[in-house]
């Protein structure tokens, strides 16, 4: 693969409304601050923030030498992800994630003092058809996807990922097809599609392993020897041309989460998940806010 970014040169440009919709990802990407219920914050394209911890003991990669390139690091990360067990959500089940987000409080670009952290908990339907809940601080919000949401149209719900290929060549083509349907601007479709898939493949690490191999083929990826995730964990990172930093545990190379940088290389967002599990029903939480409109994510 020369670069996935060349695949949609003939696709018409999306509107600003398209871009807003692209950021409204159901899974680990939606934010509604307690301070202003009428305004919604969105993490970058679905969070990129899932590290599977249920029933998994990290496998130590047997080498003393640190990876010398982004490609080598991604190869080790793929090996680590491949050692994790897949979860197999059934129709009607809920994917429950617990973690933390980083977001900008509105400070000027380049001023990292404006970054704030917020604990986050999500209950997302595996098939995208049921109501889902999100906890931020003490606020619990209940929401529902629109029936024509693009995650269903693209075949990228948690349940759909069960049928995605792990062969890299076949996966490359499937990503191309999904990205072509994405409502974002053409130059953002590749990034958003890959971000969403990495985040959601918390339930299917075997697919995540192949996604890391796919990203290693992209031009312009680079290694970052020292980074910190949203949970304060030290890691080693891979930065993509879109200024997204994938963060890995430095000994096991398990995926921890992501940081998002601005054009000056300053941190502007991020996310990490410390726990993922499958539930049969939504918990009996006291809902403090119900979103009146469906979400087209």
C-alpha atoms as a PDB file:
ATOM      1  CA  UNK A   1       0.000   0.000   0.000  1.00  0.00           C
ATOM      2  CA  UNK A   2       1.600   3.259  -1.089  1.00  0.00           C
ATOM      3  CA  UNK A   3      -0.719   5.318   1.060  1.00  0.00           C
ATOM      4  CA  UNK A   4      -4.434   4.935   1.750  1.00  0.00           C
ATOM      5  CA  UNK A   5      -4.827   8.680   1.314  1.00  0.00           C
ATOM      6  CA  UNK A   6      -4.686   8.335  -2.473  1.00  0.00           C
ATOM      7  CA  UNK A   7      -7.756   6.113  -2.595  1.00  0.00           C
ATOM      8  CA  UNK A   8     -10.516   8.734  -2.675  1.00  0.00           C
ATOM      9  CA  UNK A   9      -9.131  11.408  -4.964  1.00  0.00           C
ATOM     10  CA  UNK A  10     -12.334  11.298  -7.043  1.00  0.00           C
ATOM     11  CA  UNK A  11     -14.779  11.411  -4.119  1.00  0.00           C
ATOM     12  CA  UNK A  12     -16.621  14.768  -3.741  1.00  0.00           C
ATOM     13  CA  UNK A  13     -15.628  16.892  -0.794  1.00  0.00           C
ATOM     14  CA  UNK A  14     -17.825  16.736   2.290  1.00  0.00           C
ATOM     15  CA  UNK A  15     -19.448  19.731   3.903  1.00  0.00           C
ATOM     16  CA  UNK A  16     -18.798  21.141   7.354  1.00  0.00           C
ATOM     17  CA  UNK A  17     -21.945  19.295   8.418  1.00  0.00           C
ATOM     18  CA  UNK A  18     -20.309  16.096   7.149  1.00  0.00           C
ATOM     19  CA  UNK A  19     -17.273  16.784   9.270  1.00  0.00           C
ATOM     20  CA  UNK A  20     -19.382  17.364  12.356  1.00  0.00           C
ATOM     21  CA  UNK A  21     -21.174  14.097  11.743  1.00  0.00           C
ATOM     22  CA  UNK A  22     -17.902  12.263  11.318  1.00  0.00           C
ATOM     23  CA  UNK A  23     -16.838  13.324  14.763  1.00  0.00           C
ATOM     24  CA  UNK A  24     -20.111  12.178  16.321  1.00  0.00           C
ATOM     25  CA  UNK A  25     -18.947   8.660  16.924  1.00  0.00           C
ATOM     26  CA  UNK A  26     -21.110   6.571  19.178  1.00  0.00           C
ATOM     27  CA  UNK A  27     -18.289   4.577  20.649  1.00  0.00           C
ATOM     28  CA  UNK A  28     -15.916   6.312  23.021  1.00  0.00           C
ATOM     29  CA  UNK A  29     -16.204   9.531  21.075  1.00  0.00           C
ATOM     30  CA  UNK A  30     -19.144  11.496  22.384  1.00  0.00           C
ATOM     31  CA  UNK A  31     -18.883  14.111  25.116  1.00  0.00           C
ATOM     32  CA  UNK A  32     -21.529  16.147  26.874  1.00  0.00           C
ATOM     33  CA  UNK A  33     -20.127  18.404  29.601  1.00  0.00           C
ATOM     34  CA  UNK A  34     -21.998  18.863  32.841  1.00  0.00           C
ATOM     35  CA  UNK A  35     -21.393  22.591  32.528  1.00  0.00           C
ATOM     36  CA  UNK A  36     -23.370  23.030  29.297  1.00  0.00           C
ATOM     37  CA  UNK A  37     -25.858  20.387  28.244  1.00  0.00           C
ATOM     38  CA  UNK A  38     -26.686  22.220  25.029  1.00  0.00           C
ATOM     39  CA  UNK A  39     -23.096  21.871  23.807  1.00  0.00           C
ATOM     40  CA  UNK A  40     -21.444  18.562  22.958  1.00  0.00           C
ATOM     41  CA  UNK A  41     -17.714  17.914  22.967  1.00  0.00           C
ATOM     42  CA  UNK A  42     -16.383  15.192  20.758  1.00  0.00           C
ATOM     43  CA  UNK A  43     -13.155  13.251  21.138  1.00  0.00           C
ATOM     44  CA  UNK A  44     -11.232  12.806  17.894  1.00  0.00           C
ATOM     45  CA  UNK A  45     -13.112  10.314  15.714  1.00  0.00           C
ATOM     46  CA  UNK A  46     -14.173   7.815  18.265  1.00  0.00           C
ATOM     47  CA  UNK A  47     -11.453   7.956  20.814  1.00  0.00           C
ATOM     48  CA  UNK A  48      -8.821   5.517  19.686  1.00  0.00           C
ATOM     49  CA  UNK A  49      -8.849   4.602  23.336  1.00  0.00           C
ATOM     50  CA  UNK A  50      -9.453   0.943  23.993  1.00  0.00           C
ATOM     51  CA  UNK A  51      -7.089  -1.398  25.804  1.00  0.00           C
ATOM     52  CA  UNK A  52      -8.646  -4.802  26.449  1.00  0.00           C
ATOM     53  CA  UNK A  53      -8.071  -5.942  30.012  1.00  0.00           C
ATOM     54  CA  UNK A  54     -10.722  -8.582  30.655  1.00  0.00           C
ATOM     55  CA  UNK A  55      -9.219 -12.032  31.051  1.00  0.00           C
ATOM     56  CA  UNK A  56      -5.891 -11.016  29.525  1.00  0.00           C
ATOM     57  CA  UNK A  57      -2.380 -11.287  30.889  1.00  0.00           C
ATOM     58  CA  UNK A  58       0.027  -9.230  28.807  1.00  0.00           C
ATOM     59  CA  UNK A  59       2.572 -11.295  26.894  1.00  0.00           C
ATOM     60  CA  UNK A  60       6.150 -10.056  27.196  1.00  0.00           C
ATOM     61  CA  UNK A  61       7.774  -9.579  23.811  1.00  0.00           C
ATOM     62  CA  UNK A  62      11.022 -11.513  24.020  1.00  0.00           C
ATOM     63  CA  UNK A  63      13.664  -8.985  23.048  1.00  0.00           C
ATOM     64  CA  UNK A  64      15.876  -6.627  25.006  1.00  0.00           C
ATOM     65  CA  UNK A  65      16.432  -4.133  22.189  1.00  0.00           C
ATOM     66  CA  UNK A  66      13.983  -1.263  21.933  1.00  0.00           C
ATOM     67  CA  UNK A  67      12.251  -0.854  18.567  1.00  0.00           C
ATOM     68  CA  UNK A  68      14.297   1.318  16.257  1.00  0.00           C
ATOM     69  CA  UNK A  69      11.454   2.434  13.989  1.00  0.00           C
ATOM     70  CA  UNK A  70       7.713   2.931  13.919  1.00  0.00           C
ATOM     71  CA  UNK A  71       7.417  -0.117  11.690  1.00  0.00           C
ATOM     72  CA  UNK A  72       9.241  -2.290  14.207  1.00  0.00           C
ATOM     73  CA  UNK A  73       7.153  -0.959  17.069  1.00  0.00           C
ATOM     74  CA  UNK A  74       3.909  -1.608  15.192  1.00  0.00           C
ATOM     75  CA  UNK A  75       5.081  -5.144  14.388  1.00  0.00           C
ATOM     76  CA  UNK A  76       5.611  -5.814  18.097  1.00  0.00           C
ATOM     77  CA  UNK A  77       2.278  -4.180  18.922  1.00  0.00           C
ATOM     78  CA  UNK A  78       0.603  -6.460  16.378  1.00  0.00           C
ATOM     79  CA  UNK A  79       2.237  -9.480  18.014  1.00  0.00           C
ATOM     80  CA  UNK A  80       1.020  -8.341  21.417  1.00  0.00           C
ATOM     81  CA  UNK A  81      -2.521  -7.699  20.209  1.00  0.00           C
ATOM     82  CA  UNK A  82      -2.568 -11.075  18.484  1.00  0.00           C
ATOM     83  CA  UNK A  83      -1.908 -12.766  21.824  1.00  0.00           C
ATOM     84  CA  UNK A  84      -5.066 -11.310  23.391  1.00  0.00           C
ATOM     85  CA  UNK A  85      -8.366 -13.221  23.336  1.00  0.00           C
ATOM     86  CA  UNK A  86     -11.196 -11.939  21.160  1.00  0.00           C
ATOM     87  CA  UNK A  87     -14.534 -11.149  22.737  1.00  0.00           C
ATOM     88  CA  UNK A  88     -17.584 -12.239  20.761  1.00  0.00           C
ATOM     89  CA  UNK A  89     -20.513  -9.882  21.424  1.00  0.00           C
ATOM     90  CA  UNK A  90     -23.981 -11.196  20.624  1.00  0.00           C
ATOM     91  CA  UNK A  91     -26.894  -9.151  19.262  1.00  0.00           C
ATOM     92  CA  UNK A  92     -28.403  -7.167  22.122  1.00  0.00           C
ATOM     93  CA  UNK A  93     -25.293  -7.193  24.287  1.00  0.00           C
ATOM     94  CA  UNK A  94     -23.624  -4.060  25.648  1.00  0.00           C
ATOM     95  CA  UNK A  95     -19.926  -3.155  25.362  1.00  0.00           C
ATOM     96  CA  UNK A  96     -18.952  -1.489  28.639  1.00  0.00           C
ATOM     97  CA  UNK A  97     -15.760   0.614  28.748  1.00  0.00           C
ATOM     98  CA  UNK A  98     -14.155   2.564  31.579  1.00  0.00           C
ATOM     99  CA  UNK A  99     -11.362   5.078  31.046  1.00  0.00           C
ATOM    100  CA  UNK A 100     -10.382   8.723  30.811  1.00  0.00           C
ATOM    101  CA  UNK A 101     -10.411  11.442  28.140  1.00  0.00           C
ATOM    102  CA  UNK A 102      -8.207  14.477  27.641  1.00  0.00           C
ATOM    103  CA  UNK A 103      -9.738  17.543  26.046  1.00  0.00           C
ATOM    104  CA  UNK A 104      -8.962  21.171  25.391  1.00  0.00           C
ATOM    105  CA  UNK A 105     -10.792  23.679  27.557  1.00  0.00           C
ATOM    106  CA  UNK A 106     -10.493  26.320  24.870  1.00  0.00           C
ATOM    107  CA  UNK A 107      -6.959  27.562  25.484  1.00  0.00           C
ATOM    108  CA  UNK A 108      -5.031  28.976  22.565  1.00  0.00           C
ATOM    109  CA  UNK A 109      -3.239  26.531  20.304  1.00  0.00           C
ATOM    110  CA  UNK A 110       0.156  25.625  21.718  1.00  0.00           C
ATOM    111  CA  UNK A 111      -0.911  26.229  25.336  1.00  0.00           C
ATOM    112  CA  UNK A 112      -1.021  22.782  26.961  1.00  0.00           C
ATOM    113  CA  UNK A 113      -2.246  24.334  30.217  1.00  0.00           C
ATOM    114  CA  UNK A 114      -5.748  24.226  28.724  1.00  0.00           C
ATOM    115  CA  UNK A 115      -5.830  20.414  28.694  1.00  0.00           C
ATOM    116  CA  UNK A 116      -8.177  18.803  31.184  1.00  0.00           C
ATOM    117  CA  UNK A 117      -8.809  15.160  32.079  1.00  0.00           C
ATOM    118  CA  UNK A 118     -12.191  13.601  32.726  1.00  0.00           C
ATOM    119  CA  UNK A 119     -13.168  10.097  33.831  1.00  0.00           C
ATOM    120  CA  UNK A 120     -15.495   8.405  31.381  1.00  0.00           C
ATOM    121  CA  UNK A 121     -17.697   5.321  31.255  1.00  0.00           C
ATOM    122  CA  UNK A 122     -19.699   4.075  28.265  1.00  0.00           C
ATOM    123  CA  UNK A 123     -22.359   1.426  27.725  1.00  0.00           C
ATOM    124  CA  UNK A 124     -22.669   0.940  23.950  1.00  0.00           C
ATOM    125  CA  UNK A 125     -24.966  -1.566  22.170  1.00  0.00           C
ATOM    126  CA  UNK A 126     -22.933  -4.075  20.180  1.00  0.00           C
ATOM    127  CA  UNK A 127     -25.222  -3.824  17.158  1.00  0.00           C
ATOM    128  CA  UNK A 128     -25.830  -0.066  17.382  1.00  0.00           C
ATOM    129  CA  UNK A 129     -29.595  -0.465  17.655  1.00  0.00           C
ATOM    130  CA  UNK A 130     -30.355   0.116  21.319  1.00  0.00           C
ATOM    131  CA  UNK A 131     -30.055   3.051  23.687  1.00  0.00           C
ATOM    132  CA  UNK A 132     -26.625   3.690  25.115  1.00  0.00           C
ATOM    133  CA  UNK A 133     -25.375   5.517  28.169  1.00  0.00           C
ATOM    134  CA  UNK A 134     -22.367   7.613  29.019  1.00  0.00           C
ATOM    135  CA  UNK A 135     -21.102   8.755  32.401  1.00  0.00           C
ATOM    136  CA  UNK A 136     -18.914  11.857  32.751  1.00  0.00           C
ATOM    137  CA  UNK A 137     -18.239  12.732  36.343  1.00  0.00           C
ATOM    138  CA  UNK A 138     -21.596  12.421  38.090  1.00  0.00           C
ATOM    139  CA  UNK A 139     -23.700  13.025  34.996  1.00  0.00           C
ATOM    140  CA  UNK A 140     -25.197   9.992  33.252  1.00  0.00           C
ATOM    141  CA  UNK A 141     -26.576  10.684  29.763  1.00  0.00           C
ATOM    142  CA  UNK A 142     -28.935   8.384  27.847  1.00  0.00           C
ATOM    143  CA  UNK A 143     -28.826   8.559  24.019  1.00  0.00           C
ATOM    144  CA  UNK A 144     -29.907   6.631  20.940  1.00  0.00           C
ATOM    145  CA  UNK A 145     -28.457   6.215  17.470  1.00  0.00           C
ATOM    146  CA  UNK A 146     -30.470   7.283  14.456  1.00  0.00           C
ATOM    147  CA  UNK A 147     -31.807   4.373  12.395  1.00  0.00           C
ATOM    148  CA  UNK A 148     -29.730   5.509   9.399  1.00  0.00           C
ATOM    149  CA  UNK A 149     -26.483   6.040  11.339  1.00  0.00           C
ATOM    150  CA  UNK A 150     -23.348   5.731   9.254  1.00  0.00           C
ATOM    151  CA  UNK A 151     -21.760   3.148  11.579  1.00  0.00           C
ATOM    152  CA  UNK A 152     -24.462   0.740  10.453  1.00  0.00           C
ATOM    153  CA  UNK A 153     -24.193   1.841   6.824  1.00  0.00           C
ATOM    154  CA  UNK A 154     -20.416   1.327   6.915  1.00  0.00           C
ATOM    155  CA  UNK A 155     -20.706  -2.044   8.660  1.00  0.00           C
ATOM    156  CA  UNK A 156     -18.530  -0.920  11.565  1.00  0.00           C
ATOM    157  CA  UNK A 157     -20.626  -1.658  14.644  1.00  0.00           C
ATOM    158  CA  UNK A 158     -19.031  -3.895  17.272  1.00  0.00           C
ATOM    159  CA  UNK A 159     -21.108  -6.785  15.959  1.00  0.00           C
ATOM    160  CA  UNK A 160     -20.072  -6.137  12.346  1.00  0.00           C
ATOM    161  CA  UNK A 161     -16.368  -6.321  13.202  1.00  0.00           C
ATOM    162  CA  UNK A 162     -16.748 -10.051  13.838  1.00  0.00           C
ATOM    163  CA  UNK A 163     -16.843 -10.502  10.047  1.00  0.00           C
ATOM    164  CA  UNK A 164     -13.967  -8.193   9.106  1.00  0.00           C
ATOM    165  CA  UNK A 165     -10.910  -9.935   7.585  1.00  0.00           C
ATOM    166  CA  UNK A 166      -7.563 -10.130   9.368  1.00  0.00           C
ATOM    167  CA  UNK A 167      -5.616 -10.820   6.180  1.00  0.00           C
ATOM    168  CA  UNK A 168      -3.843  -7.507   5.571  1.00  0.00           C
ATOM    169  CA  UNK A 169      -4.546  -7.361   1.831  1.00  0.00           C
ATOM    170  CA  UNK A 170      -8.238  -8.120   2.340  1.00  0.00           C
ATOM    171  CA  UNK A 171      -8.390  -5.694   5.267  1.00  0.00           C
ATOM    172  CA  UNK A 172      -6.834  -2.941   3.173  1.00  0.00           C
ATOM    173  CA  UNK A 173      -9.626  -3.307   0.622  1.00  0.00           C
ATOM    174  CA  UNK A 174     -12.318  -3.416   3.309  1.00  0.00           C
ATOM    175  CA  UNK A 175     -10.943  -0.223   4.872  1.00  0.00           C
ATOM    176  CA  UNK A 176     -10.956   1.419   1.446  1.00  0.00           C
ATOM    177  CA  UNK A 177     -14.609   0.504   0.944  1.00  0.00           C
ATOM    178  CA  UNK A 178     -15.641   1.715   4.400  1.00  0.00           C
ATOM    179  CA  UNK A 179     -13.676   4.962   4.102  1.00  0.00           C
ATOM    180  CA  UNK A 180     -15.338   5.729   0.760  1.00  0.00           C
ATOM    181  CA  UNK A 181     -18.706   5.777   2.587  1.00  0.00           C
ATOM    182  CA  UNK A 182     -17.516   7.924   5.453  1.00  0.00           C
ATOM    183  CA  UNK A 183     -19.295  11.303   5.630  1.00  0.00           C
ATOM    184  CA  UNK A 184     -16.141  13.240   6.504  1.00  0.00           C
ATOM    185  CA  UNK A 185     -14.136  15.328   4.061  1.00  0.00           C
ATOM    186  CA  UNK A 186     -12.059  13.166   1.680  1.00  0.00           C
ATOM    187  CA  UNK A 187      -8.769  14.065   3.326  1.00  0.00           C
ATOM    188  CA  UNK A 188     -10.112  12.915   6.710  1.00  0.00           C
ATOM    189  CA  UNK A 189     -11.872   9.689   5.740  1.00  0.00           C
ATOM    190  CA  UNK A 190      -8.859   7.409   5.997  1.00  0.00           C
ATOM    191  CA  UNK A 191      -7.840   8.740   9.398  1.00  0.00           C
ATOM    192  CA  UNK A 192     -11.320   8.594  10.897  1.00  0.00           C
ATOM    193  CA  UNK A 193     -12.014   5.108   9.579  1.00  0.00           C
ATOM    194  CA  UNK A 194      -8.771   3.679  10.949  1.00  0.00           C
ATOM    195  CA  UNK A 195      -9.234   5.479  14.269  1.00  0.00           C
ATOM    196  CA  UNK A 196     -12.730   4.110  14.711  1.00  0.00           C
ATOM    197  CA  UNK A 197     -11.634   0.583  13.838  1.00  0.00           C
ATOM    198  CA  UNK A 198      -8.702   0.594  16.267  1.00  0.00           C
ATOM    199  CA  UNK A 199     -10.919   1.875  19.042  1.00  0.00           C
ATOM    200  CA  UNK A 200     -13.695  -0.612  18.444  1.00  0.00           C
ATOM    201  CA  UNK A 201     -11.369  -3.560  17.932  1.00  0.00           C
ATOM    202  CA  UNK A 202     -10.935  -3.613  21.712  1.00  0.00           C
ATOM    203  CA  UNK A 203     -13.429  -6.482  21.467  1.00  0.00           C
ATOM    204  CA  UNK A 204     -11.436  -8.156  18.678  1.00  0.00           C
ATOM    205  CA  UNK A 205      -7.660  -7.809  19.220  1.00  0.00           C
ATOM    206  CA  UNK A 206      -6.939 -10.142  16.299  1.00  0.00           C
ATOM    207  CA  UNK A 207      -8.342  -7.445  14.003  1.00  0.00           C
ATOM    208  CA  UNK A 208      -6.430  -4.731  15.865  1.00  0.00           C
ATOM    209  CA  UNK A 209      -3.204  -6.635  15.178  1.00  0.00           C
ATOM    210  CA  UNK A 210      -3.876  -6.497  11.438  1.00  0.00           C
ATOM    211  CA  UNK A 211      -4.761  -2.805  11.646  1.00  0.00           C
ATOM    212  CA  UNK A 212      -1.351  -2.093  13.192  1.00  0.00           C
ATOM    213  CA  UNK A 213       0.303  -3.950  10.301  1.00  0.00           C
ATOM    214  CA  UNK A 214      -1.741  -1.893   7.852  1.00  0.00           C
ATOM    215  CA  UNK A 215      -0.731   1.387   9.490  1.00  0.00           C
ATOM    216  CA  UNK A 216       2.930   0.347   9.396  1.00  0.00           C
ATOM    217  CA  UNK A 217       2.699   0.465   5.585  1.00  0.00           C
ATOM    218  CA  UNK A 218       1.731   4.150   5.573  1.00  0.00           C
ATOM    219  CA  UNK A 219       4.275   6.774   4.637  1.00  0.00           C
ATOM    220  CA  UNK A 220       5.264   9.280   7.287  1.00  0.00           C
ATOM    221  CA  UNK A 221       4.736   7.287  10.500  1.00  0.00           C
ATOM    222  CA  UNK A 222       7.416   7.964  13.119  1.00  0.00           C
ATOM    223  CA  UNK A 223       8.399   6.680  16.541  1.00  0.00           C
ATOM    224  CA  UNK A 224       8.070   8.703  19.764  1.00  0.00           C
ATOM    225  CA  UNK A 225      10.272   7.165  22.480  1.00  0.00           C
ATOM    226  CA  UNK A 226       8.458   8.653  25.464  1.00  0.00           C
ATOM    227  CA  UNK A 227       4.756   9.559  25.789  1.00  0.00           C
ATOM    228  CA  UNK A 228       2.115   9.551  28.531  1.00  0.00           C
ATOM    229  CA  UNK A 229      -1.485   8.457  28.049  1.00  0.00           C
ATOM    230  CA  UNK A 230      -4.660   9.956  29.511  1.00  0.00           C
ATOM    231  CA  UNK A 231      -4.426   7.664  32.547  1.00  0.00           C
ATOM    232  CA  UNK A 232      -0.883   8.832  33.319  1.00  0.00           C
ATOM    233  CA  UNK A 233       0.767   5.640  32.075  1.00  0.00           C
ATOM    234  CA  UNK A 234       4.207   5.955  30.475  1.00  0.00           C
ATOM    235  CA  UNK A 235       4.506   4.508  27.013  1.00  0.00           C
ATOM    236  CA  UNK A 236       6.182   4.492  23.640  1.00  0.00           C
ATOM    237  CA  UNK A 237       4.338   5.917  20.663  1.00  0.00           C
ATOM    238  CA  UNK A 238       3.853   5.945  16.911  1.00  0.00           C
ATOM    239  CA  UNK A 239       2.850   9.260  15.356  1.00  0.00           C
ATOM    240  CA  UNK A 240       0.871   9.244  12.111  1.00  0.00           C
ATOM    241  CA  UNK A 241       0.965  11.994   9.453  1.00  0.00           C
ATOM    242  CA  UNK A 242      -2.347  13.210  10.892  1.00  0.00           C
ATOM    243  CA  UNK A 243      -0.626  14.075  14.213  1.00  0.00           C
ATOM    244  CA  UNK A 244      -2.231  11.196  16.061  1.00  0.00           C
ATOM    245  CA  UNK A 245       0.015   9.339  18.510  1.00  0.00           C
ATOM    246  CA  UNK A 246      -0.787   5.680  19.194  1.00  0.00           C
ATOM    247  CA  UNK A 247       0.560   4.754  22.640  1.00  0.00           C
ATOM    248  CA  UNK A 248       1.893   1.333  23.645  1.00  0.00           C
ATOM    249  CA  UNK A 249       3.110  -0.174  26.906  1.00  0.00           C
ATOM    250  CA  UNK A 250       6.937  -0.066  26.626  1.00  0.00           C
ATOM    251  CA  UNK A 251       7.583  -3.666  27.741  1.00  0.00           C
ATOM    252  CA  UNK A 252       4.653  -5.674  26.388  1.00  0.00           C
ATOM    253  CA  UNK A 253       3.738  -3.295  23.504  1.00  0.00           C
ATOM    254  CA  UNK A 254       0.058  -3.587  24.450  1.00  0.00           C
ATOM    255  CA  UNK A 255      -2.039  -0.730  23.042  1.00  0.00           C
ATOM    256  CA  UNK A 256      -2.916   1.842  25.724  1.00  0.00           C
ATOM    257  CA  UNK A 257      -4.665   4.668  23.886  1.00  0.00           C
ATOM    258  CA  UNK A 258      -3.914   7.797  21.896  1.00  0.00           C
ATOM    259  CA  UNK A 259      -2.907  11.446  22.079  1.00  0.00           C
ATOM    260  CA  UNK A 260      -3.906  14.060  19.512  1.00  0.00           C
ATOM    261  CA  UNK A 261      -1.535  16.910  18.631  1.00  0.00           C
ATOM    262  CA  UNK A 262      -2.042  20.265  16.945  1.00  0.00           C
ATOM    263  CA  UNK A 263       0.057  21.666  14.092  1.00  0.00           C
ATOM    264  CA  UNK A 264       2.680  22.883  16.601  1.00  0.00           C
ATOM    265  CA  UNK A 265       2.953  19.407  18.115  1.00  0.00           C
ATOM    266  CA  UNK A 266       1.136  20.408  21.305  1.00  0.00           C
ATOM    267  CA  UNK A 267      -1.253  18.019  23.043  1.00  0.00           C
ATOM    268  CA  UNK A 268      -4.904  18.914  22.366  1.00  0.00           C
ATOM    269  CA  UNK A 269      -6.739  15.707  23.265  1.00  0.00           C
ATOM    270  CA  UNK A 270      -6.481  12.027  23.965  1.00  0.00           C
ATOM    271  CA  UNK A 271      -8.054   9.018  25.544  1.00  0.00           C
ATOM    272  CA  UNK A 272      -7.315   5.723  27.237  1.00  0.00           C
ATOM    273  CA  UNK A 273      -9.508   2.851  28.407  1.00  0.00           C
ATOM    274  CA  UNK A 274      -8.545   0.615  31.304  1.00  0.00           C
ATOM    275  CA  UNK A 275     -11.417  -1.873  31.238  1.00  0.00           C
ATOM    276  CA  UNK A 276     -13.666  -3.439  28.581  1.00  0.00           C
ATOM    277  CA  UNK A 277     -16.355  -6.057  29.143  1.00  0.00           C
ATOM    278  CA  UNK A 278     -19.586  -7.415  27.675  1.00  0.00           C
ATOM    279  CA  UNK A 279     -22.910  -7.017  29.499  1.00  0.00           C
ATOM    280  CA  UNK A 280     -26.347  -8.402  28.711  1.00  0.00           C
ATOM    281  CA  UNK A 281     -28.276  -5.295  29.786  1.00  0.00           C
ATOM    282  CA  UNK A 282     -27.768  -1.643  30.615  1.00  0.00           C
ATOM    283  CA  UNK A 283     -27.139  -1.078  34.325  1.00  0.00           C
ATOM    284  CA  UNK A 284     -29.777   0.531  36.499  1.00  0.00           C
ATOM    285  CA  UNK A 285     -28.105   3.890  36.668  1.00  0.00           C
ATOM    286  CA  UNK A 286     -29.885   7.108  37.614  1.00  0.00           C
ATOM    287  CA  UNK A 287     -30.005   9.013  34.327  1.00  0.00           C
ATOM    288  CA  UNK A 288     -29.460  12.736  34.857  1.00  0.00           C
ATOM    289  CA  UNK A 289     -29.878  13.845  31.234  1.00  0.00           C
ATOM    290  CA  UNK A 290     -31.623  12.313  28.207  1.00  0.00           C
ATOM    291  CA  UNK A 291     -30.491  13.469  24.761  1.00  0.00           C
ATOM    292  CA  UNK A 292     -33.768  14.337  22.945  1.00  0.00           C
ATOM    293  CA  UNK A 293     -32.372  13.863  19.426  1.00  0.00           C
ATOM    294  CA  UNK A 294     -30.960  10.707  17.909  1.00  0.00           C
ATOM    295  CA  UNK A 295     -27.219  10.704  17.139  1.00  0.00           C
ATOM    296  CA  UNK A 296     -26.256  10.111  13.472  1.00  0.00           C
ATOM    297  CA  UNK A 297     -22.928   8.444  14.336  1.00  0.00           C
END
